[in-house]
Amino acid sequence: MRGDLATTTYKGTEGQVSWCGVKLADGDDFNAFMSEDVAARLHDSDGTAQFESHLRGLASTGFARESLEAVLATEIPEERDWAVGEALAETYLAQQHKITWPWNMERDKRTPMASLPGADLVGFEIHAEEVALVLGEVKTSTDPNTPPGVMKGRSGMTHQLDRLATHLSLVARLIKWLWFRCKGTENEASFDAAAARFFASGNKAIALFGVLVRDTHPNELDLKARGRLLASSLEHPTTCQLIAVHIPCSIADLPARVSGGPS
């Protein structure tokens, strides 16, 4: 990541599960990380640029170009803090853990309030020539309690990660979803390698990630008990990493930070 932006404040391991707390330092590096790296992920800058370029190639008259620009001007940038939290988590994992995201889920939102079922994170973890399917969840929380409520219950991260590891029908849907988005692209080889490894492992070769975005002081109790609980049910070669990312601003300030606003 940029400069000395991220500092690990605690870490632990049990069985197939590891957990750590990471503190992001305020300053120019954090502002650039948010307004450039996270903003690009949040707004799908690459996909949007290609889409707009293609449409402009179809508008051959001045009237058509004016009509097209009117359509493009209606797009409303995503500004909900939890959406910024997800983009932050994806960007952090891509930079710190070398996770490849073959698809930006922003493209699958049919309405402004759409929510995709299954998993927040779907991608590949690539180490040398070994590729693993990555599935995971992101929670953004201002809850002062430790652990926060988003870690607990049937809608909490712990339960959701356990389902990703054990509910084959859910993973099957995600694999099918991913195949359609990788077929015929530069990511098809990674998909084939990850899927082949998954089947050869008896449907257990999954790299799970749970990212908790917090605006509180780092506290290992946010993750430790939940990590141990997951460790009691996960079997090799499934792995799980729980990461609490502590930001130097309030959750409510995330939309402003990603827009390059004042700290």
Protein backbone atom coordinates (compact mmCIF):
# COMPACT_ATOMS: atom_id res chain seq x y z
CA MET A 1 0.00 0.00 0.00
CA ARG A 2 0.95 3.68 -0.13
CA GLY A 3 3.82 4.56 2.21
CA ASP A 4 3.35 3.45 5.78
CA LEU A 5 -0.43 3.69 5.60
CA ALA A 6 -1.21 0.32 7.26
CA THR A 7 0.08 -0.88 10.64
CA THR A 8 -0.79 -4.26 12.13
CA THR A 9 -1.85 -3.82 15.76
CA TYR A 10 -2.59 -7.47 16.70
CA LYS A 11 -2.78 -10.90 15.12
CA GLY A 12 -3.58 -14.48 16.03
CA THR A 13 -4.08 -17.92 14.55
CA GLU A 14 -6.01 -21.05 15.42
CA GLY A 15 -6.42 -24.02 13.13
CA GLN A 16 -7.35 -22.89 9.64
CA VAL A 17 -8.26 -19.37 10.80
CA SER A 18 -6.12 -16.28 11.31
CA TRP A 19 -7.13 -12.80 12.41
CA CYS A 20 -5.51 -9.40 12.62
CA GLY A 21 -6.23 -5.76 13.27
CA VAL A 22 -4.90 -3.12 10.89
CA LYS A 23 -4.81 0.60 11.58
CA LEU A 24 -4.73 3.07 8.69
CA ALA A 25 -2.89 6.32 9.40
CA ASP A 26 -4.47 9.65 8.52
CA GLY A 27 -2.73 12.01 6.11
CA ASP A 28 -1.93 12.38 2.44
CA ASP A 29 -1.47 8.64 1.82
CA PHE A 30 -4.88 7.82 3.27
CA ASN A 31 -6.55 10.65 1.37
CA ALA A 32 -4.98 9.46 -1.90
CA PHE A 33 -5.89 5.85 -1.13
CA MET A 34 -9.52 6.85 -0.65
CA SER A 35 -9.95 9.43 -3.42
CA GLU A 36 -7.99 7.49 -6.05
CA ASP A 37 -7.75 3.74 -5.32
CA VAL A 38 -11.01 3.19 -3.43
CA ALA A 39 -12.93 5.65 -5.62
CA ALA A 40 -11.83 3.78 -8.75
CA ARG A 41 -13.13 0.51 -7.30
CA LEU A 42 -16.35 2.05 -5.97
CA HIS A 43 -17.27 3.73 -9.25
CA ASP A 44 -15.87 0.95 -11.49
CA SER A 45 -13.72 3.48 -13.33
CA ASP A 46 -12.28 1.00 -15.87
CA GLY A 47 -15.64 -0.49 -16.81
CA THR A 48 -17.36 2.90 -16.93
CA ALA A 49 -14.69 4.37 -19.21
CA GLN A 50 -14.98 1.44 -21.65
CA PHE A 51 -18.77 1.63 -21.60
CA GLU A 52 -18.85 5.37 -22.26
CA SER A 53 -16.23 5.12 -25.02
CA HIS A 54 -18.25 2.41 -26.80
CA LEU A 55 -21.47 4.42 -26.63
CA ARG A 56 -19.79 7.58 -27.90
CA GLY A 57 -18.67 5.57 -30.92
CA LEU A 58 -22.33 4.88 -31.69
CA ALA A 59 -23.46 8.52 -31.50
CA SER A 60 -22.71 9.79 -35.01
CA THR A 61 -24.59 13.10 -35.06
CA GLY A 62 -24.58 16.14 -32.85
CA PHE A 63 -28.14 15.40 -31.72
CA ALA A 64 -27.22 11.79 -30.85
CA ARG A 65 -24.17 12.94 -28.88
CA GLU A 66 -26.30 15.40 -26.90
CA SER A 67 -28.80 12.63 -26.17
CA LEU A 68 -26.05 10.30 -25.05
CA GLU A 69 -24.49 12.88 -22.74
CA ALA A 70 -27.92 13.46 -21.20
CA VAL A 71 -28.16 9.73 -20.45
CA LEU A 72 -24.64 9.56 -19.00
CA ALA A 73 -25.31 12.60 -16.82
CA THR A 74 -28.12 10.75 -15.01
CA GLU A 75 -25.76 8.31 -13.32
CA ILE A 76 -25.67 8.96 -9.58
CA PRO A 77 -22.37 8.11 -7.87
CA GLU A 78 -22.61 5.56 -5.04
CA GLU A 79 -22.30 7.42 -1.74
CA ARG A 80 -23.62 5.07 0.95
CA ASP A 81 -21.01 4.51 3.65
CA TRP A 82 -21.37 0.71 3.62
CA ALA A 83 -20.74 0.66 -0.15
CA VAL A 84 -17.58 2.72 0.35
CA GLY A 85 -16.62 0.25 3.10
CA GLU A 86 -16.94 -2.67 0.66
CA ALA A 87 -14.84 -0.87 -1.95
CA LEU A 88 -12.24 -0.07 0.72
CA ALA A 89 -12.09 -3.75 1.75
CA GLU A 90 -11.72 -4.92 -1.86
CA THR A 91 -8.98 -2.38 -2.55
CA TYR A 92 -7.13 -3.28 0.66
CA LEU A 93 -7.24 -7.01 -0.11
CA ALA A 94 -6.10 -6.45 -3.70
CA GLN A 95 -3.09 -4.42 -2.57
CA GLN A 96 -2.11 -6.26 0.61
CA HIS A 97 -3.12 -9.85 -0.17
CA LYS A 98 -2.79 -9.88 -3.96
CA ILE A 99 -6.42 -10.84 -4.46
CA THR A 100 -7.70 -10.57 -8.03
CA TRP A 101 -11.28 -9.39 -8.53
CA PRO A 102 -12.32 -10.51 -12.03
CA TRP A 103 -15.60 -8.61 -11.85
CA ASN A 104 -16.89 -5.45 -10.21
CA MET A 105 -20.22 -6.24 -8.57
CA GLU A 106 -21.30 -2.65 -9.16
CA ARG A 107 -22.12 -3.83 -12.70
CA ASP A 108 -24.72 -6.27 -11.42
CA LYS A 109 -26.83 -3.69 -9.63
CA ARG A 110 -30.05 -3.34 -11.59
CA THR A 111 -31.47 -0.71 -9.24
CA PRO A 112 -29.75 1.80 -6.91
CA MET A 113 -30.83 -0.23 -3.87
CA ALA A 114 -30.03 -3.67 -5.27
CA SER A 115 -28.25 -6.17 -3.06
CA LEU A 116 -26.48 -9.19 -4.48
CA PRO A 117 -27.07 -12.51 -2.70
CA GLY A 118 -24.38 -15.00 -1.82
CA ALA A 119 -21.15 -13.19 -0.98
CA ASP A 120 -19.72 -9.67 -0.92
CA LEU A 121 -16.31 -10.86 -2.14
CA VAL A 122 -15.71 -13.23 -5.06
CA GLY A 123 -12.29 -13.54 -6.63
CA PHE A 124 -8.99 -15.43 -6.79
CA GLU A 125 -5.98 -15.72 -4.52
CA ILE A 126 -2.90 -16.43 -6.61
CA HIS A 127 0.37 -17.68 -5.08
CA ALA A 128 2.97 -18.68 -7.65
CA GLU A 129 1.10 -21.17 -9.86
CA GLU A 130 -1.51 -22.08 -7.25
CA VAL A 131 -4.91 -20.41 -7.52
CA ALA A 132 -7.67 -20.55 -4.90
CA LEU A 133 -11.27 -19.41 -5.03
CA VAL A 134 -11.82 -16.41 -2.74
CA LEU A 135 -15.19 -15.87 -1.07
CA GLY A 136 -15.90 -13.43 1.70
CA GLU A 137 -17.96 -10.88 3.53
CA VAL A 138 -17.50 -7.22 4.44
CA LYS A 139 -19.10 -5.46 7.39
CA THR A 140 -18.87 -1.74 8.11
CA SER A 141 -19.69 -0.89 11.72
CA THR A 142 -19.85 2.10 14.07
CA ASP A 143 -21.00 -0.12 16.96
CA PRO A 144 -18.90 0.77 20.05
CA ASN A 145 -19.41 -2.72 21.47
CA THR A 146 -16.72 -5.38 21.19
CA PRO A 147 -17.34 -7.45 19.16
CA PRO A 148 -19.81 -5.36 17.16
CA GLY A 149 -23.27 -6.72 16.44
CA VAL A 150 -22.46 -7.28 12.75
CA MET A 151 -20.22 -10.18 13.73
CA LYS A 152 -23.00 -12.10 15.47
CA GLY A 153 -26.33 -13.73 14.68
CA ARG A 154 -27.69 -15.27 11.47
CA SER A 155 -26.96 -12.10 9.49
CA GLY A 156 -23.54 -11.68 11.09
CA MET A 157 -20.19 -12.23 9.43
CA THR A 158 -19.33 -15.41 11.36
CA HIS A 159 -22.48 -17.23 10.27
CA GLN A 160 -22.15 -16.01 6.68
CA LEU A 161 -18.54 -17.21 6.40
CA ASP A 162 -19.49 -20.57 7.87
CA ARG A 163 -22.23 -20.91 5.23
CA LEU A 164 -19.75 -20.11 2.46
CA ALA A 165 -17.54 -22.94 3.74
CA THR A 166 -20.25 -25.56 4.25
CA HIS A 167 -23.27 -24.88 2.00
CA LEU A 168 -22.35 -26.44 -1.32
CA SER A 169 -25.45 -25.11 -3.10
CA LEU A 170 -24.42 -21.54 -2.27
CA VAL A 171 -20.86 -22.05 -3.50
CA ALA A 172 -22.17 -23.76 -6.66
CA ARG A 173 -24.25 -20.67 -7.51
CA LEU A 174 -21.25 -18.42 -6.96
CA ILE A 175 -19.02 -20.60 -9.16
CA LYS A 176 -21.61 -20.47 -11.93
CA TRP A 177 -21.93 -16.69 -11.54
CA LEU A 178 -18.15 -16.35 -11.70
CA TRP A 179 -17.77 -18.59 -14.76
CA PHE A 180 -20.04 -16.42 -16.89
CA ARG A 181 -17.94 -13.38 -15.96
CA CYS A 182 -14.58 -15.05 -16.61
CA LYS A 183 -15.40 -16.97 -19.80
CA GLY A 184 -13.50 -15.55 -22.75
CA THR A 185 -11.52 -13.09 -20.61
CA GLU A 186 -7.99 -12.94 -19.23
CA ASN A 187 -9.37 -14.46 -16.00
CA GLU A 188 -10.62 -17.71 -17.55
CA ALA A 189 -7.36 -19.55 -16.81
CA SER A 190 -7.52 -18.49 -13.14
CA PHE A 191 -11.13 -19.67 -12.95
CA ASP A 192 -10.20 -23.06 -14.44
CA ALA A 193 -7.29 -23.50 -12.02
CA ALA A 194 -9.32 -22.47 -8.96
CA ALA A 195 -12.31 -24.63 -9.90
CA ALA A 196 -10.13 -27.67 -10.64
CA ARG A 197 -8.37 -27.30 -7.29
CA PHE A 198 -11.74 -26.90 -5.52
CA PHE A 199 -13.11 -30.14 -6.99
CA ALA A 200 -9.87 -32.07 -6.40
CA SER A 201 -9.96 -31.07 -2.71
CA GLY A 202 -13.41 -32.53 -2.13
CA ASN A 203 -14.98 -29.05 -2.45
CA LYS A 204 -12.92 -27.54 0.37
CA ALA A 205 -10.20 -25.43 -1.31
CA ILE A 206 -11.66 -22.00 -0.57
CA ALA A 207 -9.85 -18.94 0.80
CA LEU A 208 -12.39 -17.15 3.00
CA PHE A 209 -11.95 -13.50 3.94
CA GLY A 210 -13.98 -11.52 6.45
CA VAL A 211 -13.23 -7.79 6.55
CA LEU A 212 -14.59 -5.58 9.32
CA VAL A 213 -14.28 -1.84 8.64
CA ARG A 214 -14.24 0.05 11.96
CA ASP A 215 -13.89 3.64 13.20
CA THR A 216 -12.98 2.51 16.71
CA HIS A 217 -9.69 1.74 18.47
CA PRO A 218 -8.24 -1.70 17.57
CA ASN A 219 -9.31 -4.47 19.94
CA GLU A 220 -8.53 -8.13 19.36
CA LEU A 221 -11.81 -9.09 21.01
CA ASP A 222 -13.55 -7.90 17.83
CA LEU A 223 -12.25 -11.00 16.05
CA LYS A 224 -10.62 -13.49 18.41
CA ALA A 225 -13.67 -15.37 19.72
CA ARG A 226 -15.29 -15.43 16.27
CA GLY A 227 -12.06 -16.70 14.74
CA ARG A 228 -11.88 -19.52 17.26
CA LEU A 229 -15.50 -20.41 16.60
CA LEU A 230 -14.86 -20.67 12.87
CA ALA A 231 -11.69 -22.68 13.52
CA SER A 232 -13.81 -25.36 15.19
CA SER A 233 -15.68 -26.05 11.95
CA LEU A 234 -13.27 -25.34 9.08
CA GLU A 235 -11.16 -28.15 7.65
CA HIS A 236 -7.97 -28.14 5.58
CA PRO A 237 -7.50 -26.91 2.89
CA THR A 238 -10.15 -24.26 3.59
CA THR A 239 -8.54 -21.14 5.05
CA CYS A 240 -10.09 -18.07 6.63
CA GLN A 241 -8.61 -14.65 7.38
CA LEU A 242 -10.51 -12.16 9.53
CA ILE A 243 -9.25 -8.60 9.18
CA ALA A 244 -10.41 -5.54 11.10
CA VAL A 245 -9.46 -2.39 9.19
CA HIS A 246 -9.54 0.64 11.47
CA ILE A 247 -9.91 3.92 9.59
CA PRO A 248 -8.76 7.35 10.86
CA CYS A 249 -12.15 8.99 10.31
CA SER A 250 -15.76 8.23 11.15
CA ILE A 251 -17.73 5.79 9.01
CA ALA A 252 -20.07 8.67 8.19
CA ASP A 253 -17.12 10.58 6.67
CA LEU A 254 -16.21 7.82 4.19
CA PRO A 255 -18.30 9.21 1.28
CA ALA A 256 -16.61 12.61 1.69
CA ARG A 257 -13.15 11.05 1.86
CA VAL A 258 -13.72 8.98 -1.28
CA SER A 259 -14.88 12.13 -3.07
CA GLY A 260 -11.69 13.92 -2.09
CA GLY A 261 -13.45 16.18 0.38
CA PRO A 262 -11.94 17.75 3.50
CA SER A 263 -10.88 15.53 6.39
